[in-house]
Amino acid sequence: MLCRDVDERIESWLDGELPPEEARRLTAHLEGCAACARAAAWARTVREGLRGLPSHDAPPAVVARIKAAARHRRAGGDVLSGPWRARSRGSLAALLGMAAALAVALGVAFRLAPGALAPPVAVRAERPPG
């Protein structure tokens, strides 16, 4: 298995969704490839960090819009056609959704590496007196 194959399958592997033989080949690759093993460890760490975040139910209005869009799509329509097109671009809900996603990503980053986003500290070396 090549590194690009691992990259394409790592999420399915972590979810236990790969066929047994493919999972064995991927595991064998991870045992011999430090770069892919680091990527797998990072993916696992991110998943664990996300699981630690609180979950919230979507507001009823959002659920209703998603269900209506799914019904419309099943009927052969474009998801962004009809009443959704006018409100989907530039809407406050879309901006709030992006802001929430950014907040989650930053929360995970701070949780996984608390000092990673701190500004660098300048250190000045001085000669000892005498």
Protein backbone atom coordinates (compact mmCIF):
# COMPACT_ATOMS: atom_id res chain seq x y z
CA MET A 1 0.00 0.00 0.00
CA LEU A 2 1.29 3.46 -0.90
CA CYS A 3 1.20 6.56 1.31
CA ARG A 4 -1.47 8.17 -0.89
CA ASP A 5 -3.63 5.05 -0.41
CA VAL A 6 -3.26 5.37 3.36
CA ASP A 7 -4.17 9.05 3.19
CA GLU A 8 -7.36 8.24 1.27
CA ARG A 9 -8.38 5.45 3.68
CA ILE A 10 -7.24 6.62 7.12
CA GLU A 11 -10.67 7.86 8.21
CA SER A 12 -12.37 4.64 7.12
CA TRP A 13 -9.65 2.65 8.91
CA LEU A 14 -10.20 4.62 12.13
CA ASP A 15 -13.94 4.00 11.81
CA GLY A 16 -13.36 0.25 11.35
CA GLU A 17 -15.02 0.39 7.92
CA LEU A 18 -12.27 -1.17 5.79
CA PRO A 19 -12.50 -4.78 4.67
CA PRO A 20 -10.25 -6.98 6.87
CA GLU A 21 -7.53 -7.55 4.25
CA GLU A 22 -7.31 -3.86 3.39
CA ALA A 23 -7.17 -2.96 7.09
CA ARG A 24 -4.28 -5.44 7.55
CA ARG A 25 -2.38 -3.91 4.63
CA LEU A 26 -2.92 -0.40 5.96
CA THR A 27 -1.81 -1.42 9.46
CA ALA A 28 1.30 -3.06 8.00
CA HIS A 29 2.08 0.14 6.09
CA LEU A 30 1.72 2.21 9.27
CA GLU A 31 4.18 -0.09 11.04
CA GLY A 32 6.81 0.60 8.38
CA CYS A 33 6.12 4.27 7.51
CA ALA A 34 6.79 6.86 10.21
CA ALA A 35 5.13 9.69 8.24
CA CYS A 36 1.88 7.79 7.79
CA ALA A 37 1.98 6.60 11.41
CA ARG A 38 2.26 10.25 12.53
CA ALA A 39 -0.66 11.21 10.27
CA ALA A 40 -2.76 8.36 11.70
CA ALA A 41 -1.87 9.38 15.26
CA TRP A 42 -2.80 13.00 14.49
CA ALA A 43 -6.13 11.94 12.96
CA ARG A 44 -6.87 9.84 16.05
CA THR A 45 -5.94 12.74 18.36
CA VAL A 46 -8.20 15.16 16.49
CA ARG A 47 -11.09 12.67 16.70
CA GLU A 48 -10.58 12.25 20.44
CA GLY A 49 -10.46 16.04 20.87
CA LEU A 50 -13.67 16.48 18.92
CA ARG A 51 -15.40 13.76 20.96
CA GLY A 52 -14.55 15.73 24.09
CA LEU A 53 -16.44 18.79 22.88
CA PRO A 54 -20.05 19.26 23.93
CA SER A 55 -22.69 18.37 21.37
CA HIS A 56 -25.71 20.50 20.64
CA ASP A 57 -28.92 19.88 18.77
CA ALA A 58 -29.47 21.93 15.64
CA PRO A 59 -32.18 24.58 15.93
CA PRO A 60 -35.57 23.32 14.65
CA ALA A 61 -35.55 25.85 11.80
CA VAL A 62 -32.23 24.48 10.53
CA VAL A 63 -33.48 20.88 10.74
CA ALA A 64 -36.63 21.85 8.83
CA ARG A 65 -34.60 23.54 6.06
CA ILE A 66 -32.30 20.52 5.72
CA LYS A 67 -35.25 18.13 5.53
CA ALA A 68 -36.98 20.33 2.95
CA ALA A 69 -33.79 20.52 0.87
CA ALA A 70 -33.41 16.71 1.05
CA ARG A 71 -37.03 16.21 -0.09
CA HIS A 72 -36.47 18.70 -2.91
CA ARG A 73 -33.26 16.92 -3.94
CA ARG A 74 -34.92 13.48 -3.88
CA ALA A 75 -37.59 14.88 -6.17
CA GLY A 76 -34.82 15.69 -8.66
CA GLY A 77 -34.31 19.35 -7.87
CA ASP A 78 -31.09 21.23 -7.31
CA VAL A 79 -30.48 21.75 -3.60
CA LEU A 80 -29.77 25.43 -4.18
CA SER A 81 -32.81 26.07 -6.36
CA GLY A 82 -36.14 27.40 -5.25
CA PRO A 83 -36.43 29.29 -1.97
CA TRP A 84 -33.00 28.11 -0.76
CA ARG A 85 -30.98 29.88 -3.46
CA ALA A 86 -31.99 33.39 -2.45
CA ARG A 87 -31.15 32.90 1.20
CA SER A 88 -28.19 30.53 0.91
CA ARG A 89 -25.58 32.99 -0.33
CA GLY A 90 -24.42 35.60 2.13
CA SER A 91 -27.06 34.77 4.68
CA LEU A 92 -26.55 35.36 8.35
CA ALA A 93 -27.09 31.66 9.05
CA ALA A 94 -24.23 30.71 6.72
CA LEU A 95 -21.92 33.24 8.35
CA LEU A 96 -22.86 32.00 11.80
CA GLY A 97 -22.24 28.42 10.71
CA MET A 98 -18.77 29.31 9.45
CA ALA A 99 -18.03 31.20 12.66
CA ALA A 100 -19.12 28.19 14.72
CA ALA A 101 -16.91 25.87 12.66
CA LEU A 102 -13.96 28.21 13.15
CA ALA A 103 -14.63 28.38 16.89
CA VAL A 104 -14.67 24.57 17.10
CA ALA A 105 -11.44 24.30 15.10
CA LEU A 106 -9.70 26.86 17.31
CA GLY A 107 -11.02 25.15 20.44
CA VAL A 108 -9.60 21.84 19.28
CA ALA A 109 -6.28 23.47 18.37
CA PHE A 110 -5.98 25.13 21.79
CA ARG A 111 -6.96 21.92 23.53
CA LEU A 112 -4.47 19.78 21.63
CA ALA A 113 -1.57 22.25 21.73
CA PRO A 114 -2.25 24.94 24.35
CA GLY A 115 0.92 26.95 23.69
CA ALA A 116 1.09 26.44 19.93
CA LEU A 117 -0.64 29.70 19.06
CA ALA A 118 1.21 31.84 21.62
CA PRO A 119 3.45 34.59 20.20
CA PRO A 120 7.17 33.81 20.18
CA VAL A 121 9.15 35.07 23.14
CA ALA A 122 12.40 36.91 22.49
CA VAL A 123 15.31 35.80 24.63
CA ARG A 124 18.33 38.01 25.10
CA ALA A 125 21.57 36.50 26.20
CA GLU A 126 23.72 38.66 28.42
CA ARG A 127 27.24 38.18 29.61
CA PRO A 128 27.58 37.22 33.24
CA PRO A 129 28.99 40.03 35.40
CA GLY A 130 32.70 39.96 36.20
